[in-house]
Protein backbone atom coordinates (compact mmCIF):
# COMPACT_ATOMS: atom_id res chain seq x y z
CA MET A 1 31.55 39.28 47.07
CA ALA A 2 31.83 40.73 43.59
CA SER A 3 34.68 38.41 42.69
CA SER A 4 32.72 35.29 43.67
CA SER A 5 29.80 36.52 41.59
CA VAL A 6 32.08 37.00 38.58
CA LEU A 7 33.65 33.59 39.24
CA SER A 8 30.22 31.93 39.34
CA SER A 9 29.18 33.75 36.19
CA ASN A 10 32.36 32.65 34.38
CA THR A 11 31.90 29.07 35.58
CA ALA A 12 28.30 29.05 34.38
CA THR A 13 29.32 30.51 31.02
CA ARG A 14 32.06 27.92 30.58
CA ALA A 15 29.66 25.12 31.55
CA ALA A 16 27.05 26.41 29.11
CA ASP A 17 29.66 26.67 26.35
CA SER A 18 30.79 23.14 27.08
CA VAL A 19 27.23 21.85 26.88
CA HIS A 20 26.67 23.76 23.61
CA ARG A 21 29.81 22.19 22.14
CA ALA A 22 28.67 18.73 23.26
CA VAL A 23 25.24 19.27 21.70
CA ASP A 24 26.82 20.53 18.47
CA ALA A 25 29.18 17.53 18.39
CA ALA A 26 26.28 15.13 18.97
CA ALA A 27 24.27 16.81 16.22
CA ASP A 28 27.23 16.65 13.84
CA ALA A 29 27.74 12.96 14.64
CA ALA A 30 24.02 12.16 14.24
CA THR A 31 23.54 13.98 10.93
CA PRO A 32 25.14 11.30 8.69
CA LEU A 33 23.24 8.58 10.53
CA ILE A 34 19.93 10.41 10.12
CA GLU A 35 20.63 11.16 6.46
CA GLY A 36 21.48 7.49 5.86
CA MET A 37 18.30 6.35 7.55
CA ALA A 38 16.25 8.86 5.55
CA SER A 39 17.87 7.66 2.32
CA ARG A 40 17.10 4.02 3.14
CA ALA A 41 13.52 4.95 4.06
CA HIS A 42 13.07 6.73 0.71
CA ASP A 43 14.50 3.72 -1.13
CA THR A 44 12.10 1.42 0.70
CA VAL A 45 9.14 3.63 -0.16
CA ASP A 46 10.21 3.73 -3.82
CA ARG A 47 10.55 -0.07 -3.99
CA THR A 48 7.19 -0.55 -2.26
CA ALA A 49 5.48 1.88 -4.65
CA ALA A 50 6.99 0.10 -7.65
CA ALA A 51 5.81 -3.28 -6.34
CA ALA A 52 2.32 -1.93 -5.64
CA GLY A 53 2.17 -0.50 -9.17
CA ALA A 54 3.12 -3.87 -10.65
CA VAL A 55 0.45 -5.64 -8.59
CA ALA A 56 -2.15 -3.06 -9.63
CA ASP A 57 -1.24 -3.59 -13.29
CA LYS A 58 -1.58 -7.37 -12.94
CA LEU A 59 -4.94 -7.04 -11.17
CA SER A 60 -6.17 -4.67 -13.84
CA ALA A 61 -5.15 -7.10 -16.60
CA ALA A 62 -6.82 -9.99 -14.75
CA GLY A 63 -10.01 -7.93 -14.39
CA GLU A 64 -10.01 -7.17 -18.09
CA GLN A 65 -9.51 -10.86 -18.91
CA ALA A 66 -12.36 -11.86 -16.57
CA GLY A 67 -14.62 -9.27 -18.18
CA ALA A 68 -13.76 -10.54 -21.66
CA TYR A 69 -14.41 -14.13 -20.57
CA GLY A 70 -17.78 -13.15 -19.09
CA THR A 71 -18.73 -11.42 -22.32
CA ARG A 72 -17.77 -14.51 -24.35
CA VAL A 73 -19.84 -16.79 -22.09
CA TYR A 74 -22.82 -14.43 -22.26
CA ASN A 75 -22.64 -14.20 -26.05
CA SER A 76 -22.29 -17.98 -26.30
CA GLY A 77 -25.40 -18.42 -24.15
CA ILE A 78 -27.38 -15.95 -26.25
CA THR A 79 -26.32 -17.74 -29.43
CA TYR A 80 -27.31 -21.14 -27.99
CA VAL A 81 -30.76 -19.88 -26.95
CA ARG A 82 -31.36 -18.34 -30.40
CA GLU A 83 -30.31 -21.53 -32.18
CA ASN A 84 -32.12 -23.94 -29.79
CA PRO A 85 -35.08 -22.12 -28.20
CA LEU A 86 -37.09 -25.22 -27.22
CA THR A 87 -34.08 -26.92 -25.66
CA ALA A 88 -33.26 -23.73 -23.74
CA VAL A 89 -36.82 -23.51 -22.39
CA ALA A 90 -36.74 -27.20 -21.38
CA ILE A 91 -33.39 -26.74 -19.59
CA ALA A 92 -34.71 -23.63 -17.79
CA ALA A 93 -37.83 -25.53 -16.68
CA ALA A 94 -35.77 -28.47 -15.42
CA VAL A 95 -33.43 -26.18 -13.47
CA GLY A 96 -36.41 -24.32 -12.01
CA TYR A 97 -38.04 -27.59 -10.93
CA LEU A 98 -34.81 -28.84 -9.31
CA LEU A 99 -34.28 -25.58 -7.45
CA SER A 100 -37.84 -25.65 -6.16
CA ARG A 101 -37.32 -29.19 -4.85
CA VAL A 102 -34.01 -28.33 -3.20
CA THR A 103 -35.31 -25.20 -1.46
CA ARG A 104 -38.31 -26.87 0.20
């Protein structure tokens, strides 16, 4: 009985060792694949971040241009009203009248 117990123990140990070697071999084989995938993922993130930064810069520049345009239009309107006050009042009255007619 003792010999069959030792035999079973040796068989189990050999089977466990075999499984450990298989797991180690699988891990060794998977490591380059995982590292390659991680490298490609990092590259993709870097490219995406660079593209997002470029878009943010363009949007910022467009916002600044729109703000500058709005300021120019505002200043132009102020100048027109100062130089032509009666005309400005007449235009405002006409626009007010038209809006009141349209909204009835």
